[in-house]
Amino acid sequence: AIQGVNTVTGNEISTFGMWTQLNYFLNKKMQFNTGFGFDNPDNGDINDGNRGRNSFYYVNTMYRVFPMLTLGFEYSYWETEYKNAAKGTANRFQTSAIFAW
């Protein structure tokens, strides 16, 4: 389902959400970040089985190996509620390699 519009009624879905992040630079090479966010549509605007509140929390670290290469590792936890259905959760681990030129 498209989350901005109720595909059955054609009406707009009202929602409230936010995202925020904190950064800490240990030194010129090492950085730590943490944050969270959520999207919370009005349950009266969505159909049974549609996504309701969706939220996530994360923490990561990034290490600048040299000016052109940064390596990162992140853990995040995701939780999605559905209208009149079981919620879903996920624990996610990921790595990254960022090349800048």
PDB file of N, CA and C in Angstrom:
ATOM      1  N   ALA A   1       0.835  -1.181   0.000  1.00  0.00           N
ATOM      2  CA  ALA A   1       0.000   0.000   0.000  1.00  0.00           C
ATOM      3  C   ALA A   1       0.876   1.238   0.000  1.00  0.00           C
ATOM      4  N   ILE A   2       0.436   2.260  -0.699  1.00  0.00           N
ATOM      5  CA  ILE A   2       1.124   3.535  -0.681  1.00  0.00           C
ATOM      6  C   ILE A   2       0.804   4.198   0.647  1.00  0.00           C
ATOM      7  N   GLN A   3       1.824   4.611   1.389  1.00  0.00           N
ATOM      8  CA  GLN A   3       1.584   5.100   2.752  1.00  0.00           C
ATOM      9  C   GLN A   3       1.022   6.515   2.788  1.00  0.00           C
ATOM     10  N   GLY A   4       1.174   7.320   1.769  1.00  0.00           N
ATOM     11  CA  GLY A   4       0.675   8.694   1.792  1.00  0.00           C
ATOM     12  C   GLY A   4      -0.804   8.816   1.494  1.00  0.00           C
ATOM     13  N   VAL A   5      -1.366   7.809   0.810  1.00  0.00           N
ATOM     14  CA  VAL A   5      -2.770   7.844   0.405  1.00  0.00           C
ATOM     15  C   VAL A   5      -3.401   6.491   0.695  1.00  0.00           C
ATOM     16  N   ASN A   6      -4.586   6.489   1.261  1.00  0.00           N
ATOM     17  CA  ASN A   6      -5.330   5.248   1.485  1.00  0.00           C
ATOM     18  C   ASN A   6      -5.814   4.767   0.123  1.00  0.00           C
ATOM     19  N   THR A   7      -5.336   3.613  -0.314  1.00  0.00           N
ATOM     20  CA  THR A   7      -5.649   3.123  -1.660  1.00  0.00           C
ATOM     21  C   THR A   7      -7.084   2.650  -1.806  1.00  0.00           C
ATOM     22  N   VAL A   8      -7.803   2.449  -0.698  1.00  0.00           N
ATOM     23  CA  VAL A   8      -9.208   2.043  -0.762  1.00  0.00           C
ATOM     24  C   VAL A   8     -10.115   3.274  -0.842  1.00  0.00           C
ATOM     25  N   THR A   9      -9.875   4.247   0.046  1.00  0.00           N
ATOM     26  CA  THR A   9     -10.738   5.430   0.101  1.00  0.00           C
ATOM     27  C   THR A   9     -10.247   6.576  -0.772  1.00  0.00           C
ATOM     28  N   GLY A  10      -8.952   6.576  -1.111  1.00  0.00           N
ATOM     29  CA  GLY A  10      -8.379   7.683  -1.877  1.00  0.00           C
ATOM     30  C   GLY A  10      -8.057   8.895  -1.027  1.00  0.00           C
ATOM     31  N   ASN A  11      -8.278   8.806   0.286  1.00  0.00           N
ATOM     32  CA  ASN A  11      -8.023   9.924   1.192  1.00  0.00           C
ATOM     33  C   ASN A  11      -6.562   9.956   1.639  1.00  0.00           C
ATOM     34  N   GLU A  12      -6.109  11.161   1.940  1.00  0.00           N
ATOM     35  CA  GLU A  12      -4.757  11.351   2.451  1.00  0.00           C
ATOM     36  C   GLU A  12      -4.640  10.752   3.854  1.00  0.00           C
ATOM     37  N   ILE A  13      -3.458  10.191   4.154  1.00  0.00           N
ATOM     38  CA  ILE A  13      -3.195   9.627   5.477  1.00  0.00           C
ATOM     39  C   ILE A  13      -2.448  10.669   6.303  1.00  0.00           C
ATOM     40  N   SER A  14      -3.044  11.087   7.422  1.00  0.00           N
ATOM     41  CA  SER A  14      -2.375  12.011   8.338  1.00  0.00           C
ATOM     42  C   SER A  14      -1.320  11.242   9.124  1.00  0.00           C
ATOM     43  N   THR A  15      -0.192  11.890   9.371  1.00  0.00           N
ATOM     44  CA  THR A  15       0.884  11.217  10.089  1.00  0.00           C
ATOM     45  C   THR A  15       1.739  12.231  10.831  1.00  0.00           C
ATOM     46  N   PHE A  16       2.483  11.739  11.806  1.00  0.00           N
ATOM     47  CA  PHE A  16       3.463  12.540  12.520  1.00  0.00           C
ATOM     48  C   PHE A  16       4.726  11.713  12.635  1.00  0.00           C
ATOM     49  N   GLY A  17       5.869  12.319  12.413  1.00  0.00           N
ATOM     50  CA  GLY A  17       7.122  11.584  12.530  1.00  0.00           C
ATOM     51  C   GLY A  17       8.282  12.512  12.770  1.00  0.00           C
ATOM     52  N   MET A  18       9.429  11.915  13.075  1.00  0.00           N
ATOM     53  CA  MET A  18      10.647  12.684  13.305  1.00  0.00           C
ATOM     54  C   MET A  18      11.863  11.778  13.206  1.00  0.00           C
ATOM     55  N   TRP A  19      13.029  12.407  13.122  1.00  0.00           N
ATOM     56  CA  TRP A  19      14.301  11.704  13.098  1.00  0.00           C
ATOM     57  C   TRP A  19      15.323  12.621  13.752  1.00  0.00           C
ATOM     58  N   THR A  20      16.220  12.054  14.544  1.00  0.00           N
ATOM     59  CA  THR A  20      17.287  12.838  15.152  1.00  0.00           C
ATOM     60  C   THR A  20      18.555  11.992  15.278  1.00  0.00           C
ATOM     61  N   GLN A  21      19.696  12.659  15.343  1.00  0.00           N
ATOM     62  CA  GLN A  21      20.978  11.962  15.443  1.00  0.00           C
ATOM     63  C   GLN A  21      21.945  12.788  16.274  1.00  0.00           C
ATOM     64  N   LEU A  22      22.777  12.105  17.060  1.00  0.00           N
ATOM     65  CA  LEU A  22      23.872  12.730  17.799  1.00  0.00           C
ATOM     66  C   LEU A  22      25.184  12.187  17.260  1.00  0.00           C
ATOM     67  N   ASN A  23      26.178  13.049  17.129  1.00  0.00           N
ATOM     68  CA  ASN A  23      27.494  12.653  16.644  1.00  0.00           C
ATOM     69  C   ASN A  23      28.544  12.994  17.690  1.00  0.00           C
ATOM     70  N   TYR A  24      29.527  12.127  17.830  1.00  0.00           N
ATOM     71  CA  TYR A  24      30.658  12.386  18.714  1.00  0.00           C
ATOM     72  C   TYR A  24      31.935  12.040  17.956  1.00  0.00           C
ATOM     73  N   PHE A  25      32.822  13.000  17.843  1.00  0.00           N
ATOM     74  CA  PHE A  25      34.092  12.789  17.157  1.00  0.00           C
ATOM     75  C   PHE A  25      35.172  12.577  18.214  1.00  0.00           C
ATOM     76  N   LEU A  26      35.643  11.338  18.333  1.00  0.00           N
ATOM     77  CA  LEU A  26      36.689  11.014  19.300  1.00  0.00           C
ATOM     78  C   LEU A  26      37.993  11.716  18.922  1.00  0.00           C
ATOM     79  N   ASN A  27      38.286  11.697  17.635  1.00  0.00           N
ATOM     80  CA  ASN A  27      39.459  12.376  17.087  1.00  0.00           C
ATOM     81  C   ASN A  27      39.204  12.579  15.590  1.00  0.00           C
ATOM     82  N   LYS A  28      40.228  12.925  14.827  1.00  0.00           N
ATOM     83  CA  LYS A  28      40.033  13.176  13.394  1.00  0.00           C
ATOM     84  C   LYS A  28      39.725  11.915  12.597  1.00  0.00           C
ATOM     85  N   LYS A  29      39.976  10.745  13.178  1.00  0.00           N
ATOM     86  CA  LYS A  29      39.757   9.491  12.459  1.00  0.00           C
ATOM     87  C   LYS A  29      38.529   8.710  12.923  1.00  0.00           C
ATOM     88  N   MET A  30      38.115   8.852  14.177  1.00  0.00           N
ATOM     89  CA  MET A  30      37.052   8.012  14.753  1.00  0.00           C
ATOM     90  C   MET A  30      35.827   8.842  15.113  1.00  0.00           C
ATOM     91  N   GLN A  31      34.662   8.349  14.687  1.00  0.00           N
ATOM     92  CA  GLN A  31      33.391   9.033  14.932  1.00  0.00           C
ATOM     93  C   GLN A  31      32.360   8.019  15.423  1.00  0.00           C
ATOM     94  N   PHE A  32      31.512   8.429  16.380  1.00  0.00           N
ATOM     95  CA  PHE A  32      30.403   7.612  16.871  1.00  0.00           C
ATOM     96  C   PHE A  32      29.102   8.372  16.644  1.00  0.00           C
ATOM     97  N   ASN A  33      28.048   7.656  16.275  1.00  0.00           N
ATOM     98  CA  ASN A  33      26.750   8.264  16.011  1.00  0.00           C
ATOM     99  C   ASN A  33      25.654   7.401  16.620  1.00  0.00           C
ATOM    100  N   THR A  34      24.587   8.036  17.051  1.00  0.00           N
ATOM    101  CA  THR A  34      23.415   7.312  17.517  1.00  0.00           C
ATOM    102  C   THR A  34      22.187   8.139  17.171  1.00  0.00           C
ATOM    103  N   GLY A  35      21.064   7.471  16.997  1.00  0.00           N
ATOM    104  CA  GLY A  35      19.862   8.212  16.660  1.00  0.00           C
ATOM    105  C   GLY A  35      18.630   7.341  16.681  1.00  0.00           C
ATOM    106  N   PHE A  36      17.500   7.979  16.433  1.00  0.00           N
ATOM    107  CA  PHE A  36      16.240   7.258  16.347  1.00  0.00           C
ATOM    108  C   PHE A  36      15.264   8.070  15.507  1.00  0.00           C
ATOM    109  N   GLY A  37      14.213   7.415  15.101  1.00  0.00           N
ATOM    110  CA  GLY A  37      13.176   8.088  14.340  1.00  0.00           C
ATOM    111  C   GLY A  37      11.913   7.265  14.342  1.00  0.00           C
ATOM    112  N   PHE A  38      10.820   7.892  13.929  1.00  0.00           N
ATOM    113  CA  PHE A  38       9.559   7.156  13.828  1.00  0.00           C
ATOM    114  C   PHE A  38       8.609   7.862  12.874  1.00  0.00           C
ATOM    115  N   ASP A  39       7.661   7.114  12.383  1.00  0.00           N
ATOM    116  CA  ASP A  39       6.553   7.603  11.579  1.00  0.00           C
ATOM    117  C   ASP A  39       5.303   6.997  12.198  1.00  0.00           C
ATOM    118  N   ASN A  40       4.302   7.815  12.499  1.00  0.00           N
ATOM    119  CA  ASN A  40       3.123   7.316  13.194  1.00  0.00           C
ATOM    120  C   ASN A  40       1.849   7.834  12.516  1.00  0.00           C
ATOM    121  N   PRO A  41       1.333   7.092  11.525  1.00  0.00           N
ATOM    122  CA  PRO A  41       0.117   7.531  10.852  1.00  0.00           C
ATOM    123  C   PRO A  41      -1.111   7.410  11.752  1.00  0.00           C
ATOM    124  N   ASP A  42      -2.111   8.206  11.467  1.00  0.00           N
ATOM    125  CA  ASP A  42      -3.387   8.147  12.179  1.00  0.00           C
ATOM    126  C   ASP A  42      -4.065   6.820  11.817  1.00  0.00           C
ATOM    127  N   ASN A  43      -4.256   5.945  12.813  1.00  0.00           N
ATOM    128  CA  ASN A  43      -4.843   4.626  12.543  1.00  0.00           C
ATOM    129  C   ASN A  43      -6.240   4.709  11.947  1.00  0.00           C
ATOM    130  N   GLY A  44      -6.935   5.822  12.156  1.00  0.00           N
ATOM    131  CA  GLY A  44      -8.250   5.991  11.548  1.00  0.00           C
ATOM    132  C   GLY A  44      -8.183   6.217  10.048  1.00  0.00           C
ATOM    133  N   ASP A  45      -6.988   6.562   9.545  1.00  0.00           N
ATOM    134  CA  ASP A  45      -6.811   6.820   8.113  1.00  0.00           C
ATOM    135  C   ASP A  45      -6.311   5.610   7.338  1.00  0.00           C
ATOM    136  N   ILE A  46      -5.930   4.525   8.039  1.00  0.00           N
ATOM    137  CA  ILE A  46      -5.361   3.366   7.348  1.00  0.00           C
ATOM    138  C   ILE A  46      -6.287   2.161   7.455  1.00  0.00           C
ATOM    139  N   ASN A  47      -6.081   1.192   6.576  1.00  0.00           N
ATOM    140  CA  ASN A  47      -6.885  -0.029   6.535  1.00  0.00           C
ATOM    141  C   ASN A  47      -6.244  -1.126   7.368  1.00  0.00           C
ATOM    142  N   ASP A  48      -7.015  -2.142   7.726  1.00  0.00           N
ATOM    143  CA  ASP A  48      -6.477  -3.304   8.427  1.00  0.00           C
ATOM    144  C   ASP A  48      -5.306  -3.876   7.632  1.00  0.00           C
ATOM    145  N   GLY A  49      -4.226  -4.196   8.335  1.00  0.00           N
ATOM    146  CA  GLY A  49      -3.046  -4.782   7.699  1.00  0.00           C
ATOM    147  C   GLY A  49      -2.044  -3.767   7.191  1.00  0.00           C
ATOM    148  N   ASN A  50      -2.434  -2.474   7.111  1.00  0.00           N
ATOM    149  CA  ASN A  50      -1.486  -1.442   6.676  1.00  0.00           C
ATOM    150  C   ASN A  50      -0.494  -1.124   7.785  1.00  0.00           C
ATOM    151  N   ARG A  51       0.657  -0.569   7.384  1.00  0.00           N
ATOM    152  CA  ARG A  51       1.675  -0.169   8.359  1.00  0.00           C
ATOM    153  C   ARG A  51       1.138   0.932   9.249  1.00  0.00           C
ATOM    154  N   GLY A  52       1.330   0.740  10.545  1.00  0.00           N
ATOM    155  CA  GLY A  52       1.032   1.785  11.512  1.00  0.00           C
ATOM    156  C   GLY A  52       2.333   2.435  11.931  1.00  0.00           C
ATOM    157  N   ARG A  53       2.592   2.515  13.203  1.00  0.00           N
ATOM    158  CA  ARG A  53       3.817   3.133  13.711  1.00  0.00           C
ATOM    159  C   ARG A  53       5.039   2.332  13.268  1.00  0.00           C
ATOM    160  N   ASN A  54       6.026   3.044  12.752  1.00  0.00           N
ATOM    161  CA  ASN A  54       7.285   2.450  12.318  1.00  0.00           C
ATOM    162  C   ASN A  54       8.397   3.222  13.019  1.00  0.00           C
ATOM    163  N   SER A  55       9.281   2.513  13.753  1.00  0.00           N
ATOM    164  CA  SER A  55      10.337   3.206  14.483  1.00  0.00           C
ATOM    165  C   SER A  55      11.655   2.455  14.372  1.00  0.00           C
ATOM    166  N   PHE A  56      12.754   3.190  14.595  1.00  0.00           N
ATOM    167  CA  PHE A  56      14.083   2.585  14.545  1.00  0.00           C
ATOM    168  C   PHE A  56      15.019   3.310  15.500  1.00  0.00           C
ATOM    169  N   TYR A  57      16.026   2.570  15.952  1.00  0.00           N
ATOM    170  CA  TYR A  57      17.098   3.079  16.808  1.00  0.00           C
ATOM    171  C   TYR A  57      18.398   2.543  16.232  1.00  0.00           C
ATOM    172  N   TYR A  58      19.445   3.333  16.277  1.00  0.00           N
ATOM    173  CA  TYR A  58      20.707   2.840  15.730  1.00  0.00           C
ATOM    174  C   TYR A  58      21.901   3.446  16.455  1.00  0.00           C
ATOM    175  N   VAL A  59      23.024   2.752  16.319  1.00  0.00           N
ATOM    176  CA  VAL A  59      24.315   3.235  16.792  1.00  0.00           C
ATOM    177  C   VAL A  59      25.349   2.766  15.764  1.00  0.00           C
ATOM    178  N   ASN A  60      26.296   3.643  15.463  1.00  0.00           N
ATOM    179  CA  ASN A  60      27.337   3.231  14.521  1.00  0.00           C
ATOM    180  C   ASN A  60      28.656   3.903  14.852  1.00  0.00           C
ATOM    181  N   THR A  61      29.678   3.388  14.241  1.00  0.00           N
ATOM    182  CA  THR A  61      31.001   3.972  14.361  1.00  0.00           C
ATOM    183  C   THR A  61      31.615   4.032  12.971  1.00  0.00           C
ATOM    184  N   MET A  62      32.403   5.072  12.756  1.00  0.00           N
ATOM    185  CA  MET A  62      33.066   5.246  11.464  1.00  0.00           C
ATOM    186  C   MET A  62      34.542   5.553  11.728  1.00  0.00           C
ATOM    187  N   TYR A  63      35.400   4.914  10.950  1.00  0.00           N
ATOM    188  CA  TYR A  63      36.842   5.109  11.104  1.00  0.00           C
ATOM    189  C   TYR A  63      37.437   5.517   9.763  1.00  0.00           C
ATOM    190  N   ARG A  64      38.065   6.686   9.746  1.00  0.00           N
ATOM    191  CA  ARG A  64      38.696   7.189   8.518  1.00  0.00           C
ATOM    192  C   ARG A  64      40.080   6.550   8.398  1.00  0.00           C
ATOM    193  N   VAL A  65      40.179   5.556   7.527  1.00  0.00           N
ATOM    194  CA  VAL A  65      41.440   4.837   7.324  1.00  0.00           C
ATOM    195  C   VAL A  65      42.475   5.781   6.729  1.00  0.00           C
ATOM    196  N   PHE A  66      42.099   6.493   5.702  1.00  0.00           N
ATOM    197  CA  PHE A  66      42.862   7.592   5.127  1.00  0.00           C
ATOM    198  C   PHE A  66      41.868   8.532   4.456  1.00  0.00           C
ATOM    199  N   PRO A  67      42.291   9.725   4.032  1.00  0.00           N
ATOM    200  CA  PRO A  67      41.316  10.725   3.581  1.00  0.00           C
ATOM    201  C   PRO A  67      40.277  10.232   2.567  1.00  0.00           C
ATOM    202  N   MET A  68      40.624   9.276   1.735  1.00  0.00           N
ATOM    203  CA  MET A  68      39.683   8.819   0.708  1.00  0.00           C
ATOM    204  C   MET A  68      38.839   7.617   1.134  1.00  0.00           C
ATOM    205  N   LEU A  69      39.116   7.004   2.287  1.00  0.00           N
ATOM    206  CA  LEU A  69      38.408   5.782   2.685  1.00  0.00           C
ATOM    207  C   LEU A  69      37.985   5.833   4.152  1.00  0.00           C
ATOM    208  N   THR A  70      36.684   5.659   4.379  1.00  0.00           N
ATOM    209  CA  THR A  70      36.125   5.549   5.725  1.00  0.00           C
ATOM    210  C   THR A  70      35.387   4.223   5.824  1.00  0.00           C
ATOM    211  N   LEU A  71      35.637   3.470   6.901  1.00  0.00           N
ATOM    212  CA  LEU A  71      34.947   2.205   7.146  1.00  0.00           C
ATOM    213  C   LEU A  71      33.962   2.397   8.285  1.00  0.00           C
ATOM    214  N   GLY A  72      32.817   1.729   8.198  1.00  0.00           N
ATOM    215  CA  GLY A  72      31.802   1.887   9.224  1.00  0.00           C
ATOM    216  C   GLY A  72      31.152   0.570   9.612  1.00  0.00           C
ATOM    217  N   PHE A  73      30.579   0.546  10.819  1.00  0.00           N
ATOM    218  CA  PHE A  73      29.806  -0.586  11.315  1.00  0.00           C
ATOM    219  C   PHE A  73      28.589  -0.024  12.042  1.00  0.00           C
ATOM    220  N   GLU A  74      27.410  -0.617  11.796  1.00  0.00           N
ATOM    221  CA  GLU A  74      26.184  -0.111  12.403  1.00  0.00           C
ATOM    222  C   GLU A  74      25.294  -1.241  12.897  1.00  0.00           C
ATOM    223  N   TYR A  75      24.659  -0.996  14.044  1.00  0.00           N
ATOM    224  CA  TYR A  75      23.590  -1.855  14.549  1.00  0.00           C
ATOM    225  C   TYR A  75      22.321  -1.014  14.592  1.00  0.00           C
ATOM    226  N   SER A  76      21.203  -1.576  14.123  1.00  0.00           N
ATOM    227  CA  SER A  76      19.926  -0.880  14.243  1.00  0.00           C
ATOM    228  C   SER A  76      18.823  -1.868  14.609  1.00  0.00           C
ATOM    229  N   TYR A  77      17.832  -1.351  15.308  1.00  0.00           N
ATOM    230  CA  TYR A  77      16.655  -2.124  15.699  1.00  0.00           C
ATOM    231  C   TYR A  77      15.445  -1.438  15.086  1.00  0.00           C
ATOM    232  N   TRP A  78      14.627  -2.202  14.378  1.00  0.00           N
ATOM    233  CA  TRP A  78      13.447  -1.686  13.688  1.00  0.00           C
ATOM    234  C   TRP A  78      12.203  -2.370  14.234  1.00  0.00           C
ATOM    235  N   GLU A  79      11.127  -1.603  14.384  1.00  0.00           N
ATOM    236  CA  GLU A  79       9.862  -2.158  14.825  1.00  0.00           C
ATOM    237  C   GLU A  79       8.739  -1.515  14.014  1.00  0.00           C
ATOM    238  N   THR A  80       7.909  -2.349  13.414  1.00  0.00           N
ATOM    239  CA  THR A  80       6.777  -1.870  12.627  1.00  0.00           C
ATOM    240  C   THR A  80       5.498  -2.484  13.152  1.00  0.00           C
ATOM    241  N   GLU A  81       4.550  -1.615  13.484  1.00  0.00           N
ATOM    242  CA  GLU A  81       3.231  -2.066  13.915  1.00  0.00           C
ATOM    243  C   GLU A  81       2.294  -2.009  12.712  1.00  0.00           C
ATOM    244  N   TYR A  82       1.354  -2.917  12.666  1.00  0.00           N
ATOM    245  CA  TYR A  82       0.352  -2.973  11.605  1.00  0.00           C
ATOM    246  C   TYR A  82      -1.026  -2.872  12.235  1.00  0.00           C
ATOM    247  N   LYS A  83      -1.958  -2.245  11.547  1.00  0.00           N
ATOM    248  CA  LYS A  83      -3.306  -2.103  12.088  1.00  0.00           C
ATOM    249  C   LYS A  83      -3.986  -3.463  12.148  1.00  0.00           C
ATOM    250  N   ASN A  84      -4.375  -3.875  13.349  1.00  0.00           N
ATOM    251  CA  ASN A  84      -5.063  -5.148  13.596  1.00  0.00           C
ATOM    252  C   ASN A  84      -4.295  -6.359  13.078  1.00  0.00           C
ATOM    253  N   ALA A  85      -2.968  -6.317  13.203  1.00  0.00           N
ATOM    254  CA  ALA A  85      -2.112  -7.444  12.798  1.00  0.00           C
ATOM    255  C   ALA A  85      -0.868  -7.433  13.689  1.00  0.00           C
ATOM    256  N   ALA A  86      -0.131  -8.538  13.666  1.00  0.00           N
ATOM    257  CA  ALA A  86       1.080  -8.660  14.483  1.00  0.00           C
ATOM    258  C   ALA A  86       2.148  -7.673  14.021  1.00  0.00           C
ATOM    259  N   LYS A  87       2.925  -7.166  14.982  1.00  0.00           N
ATOM    260  CA  LYS A  87       4.009  -6.258  14.632  1.00  0.00           C
ATOM    261  C   LYS A  87       5.225  -7.038  14.150  1.00  0.00           C
ATOM    262  N   GLY A  88       6.083  -6.366  13.442  1.00  0.00           N
ATOM    263  CA  GLY A  88       7.317  -6.963  12.961  1.00  0.00           C
ATOM    264  C   GLY A  88       8.509  -6.255  13.570  1.00  0.00           C
ATOM    265  N   THR A  89       9.578  -7.012  13.844  1.00  0.00           N
ATOM    266  CA  THR A  89      10.803  -6.431  14.386  1.00  0.00           C
ATOM    267  C   THR A  89      12.001  -6.966  13.616  1.00  0.00           C
ATOM    268  N   ALA A  90      13.082  -6.212  13.651  1.00  0.00           N
ATOM    269  CA  ALA A  90      14.310  -6.647  12.987  1.00  0.00           C
ATOM    270  C   ALA A  90      15.513  -6.074  13.727  1.00  0.00           C
ATOM    271  N   ASN A  91      16.534  -6.893  13.913  1.00  0.00           N
ATOM    272  CA  ASN A  91      17.850  -6.470  14.372  1.00  0.00           C
ATOM    273  C   ASN A  91      18.743  -6.504  13.154  1.00  0.00           C
ATOM    274  N   ARG A  92      19.398  -5.397  12.867  1.00  0.00           N
ATOM    275  CA  ARG A  92      20.157  -5.300  11.621  1.00  0.00           C
ATOM    276  C   ARG A  92      21.594  -4.877  11.929  1.00  0.00           C
ATOM    277  N   PHE A  93      22.545  -5.595  11.347  1.00  0.00           N
ATOM    278  CA  PHE A  93      23.963  -5.271  11.438  1.00  0.00           C
ATOM    279  C   PHE A  93      24.449  -5.010  10.023  1.00  0.00           C
ATOM    280  N   GLN A  94      25.200  -3.945   9.841  1.00  0.00           N
ATOM    281  CA  GLN A  94      25.720  -3.685   8.498  1.00  0.00           C
ATOM    282  C   GLN A  94      27.071  -3.002   8.564  1.00  0.00           C
ATOM    283  N   THR A  95      27.822  -3.165   7.504  1.00  0.00           N
ATOM    284  CA  THR A  95      29.121  -2.520   7.369  1.00  0.00           C
ATOM    285  C   THR A  95      29.074  -1.605   6.169  1.00  0.00           C
ATOM    286  N   SER A  96      30.022  -0.677   6.110  1.00  0.00           N
ATOM    287  CA  SER A  96      30.085   0.230   4.967  1.00  0.00           C
ATOM    288  C   SER A  96      31.526   0.579   4.662  1.00  0.00           C
ATOM    289  N   ALA A  97      31.758   0.885   3.410  1.00  0.00           N
ATOM    290  CA  ALA A  97      33.032   1.440   2.945  1.00  0.00           C
ATOM    291  C   ALA A  97      32.675   2.670   2.125  1.00  0.00           C
ATOM    292  N   ILE A  98      33.147   3.806   2.560  1.00  0.00           N
ATOM    293  CA  ILE A  98      32.817   5.069   1.913  1.00  0.00           C
ATOM    294  C   ILE A  98      34.070   5.615   1.238  1.00  0.00           C
ATOM    295  N   PHE A  99      33.983   5.784  -0.077  1.00  0.00           N
ATOM    296  CA  PHE A  99      35.103   6.331  -0.842  1.00  0.00           C
ATOM    297  C   PHE A  99      34.771   7.776  -1.203  1.00  0.00           C
ATOM    298  N   ALA A 100      35.692   8.690  -0.931  1.00  0.00           N
ATOM    299  CA  ALA A 100      35.504  10.104  -1.261  1.00  0.00           C
ATOM    300  C   ALA A 100      36.655  10.555  -2.145  1.00  0.00           C
ATOM    301  N   TRP A 101      36.329  11.312  -3.163  1.00  0.00           N
ATOM    302  CA  TRP A 101      37.382  11.828  -4.019  1.00  0.00           C
ATOM    303  C   TRP A 101      37.049  13.223  -4.473  1.00  0.00           C
TER     304      TRP A 101
END
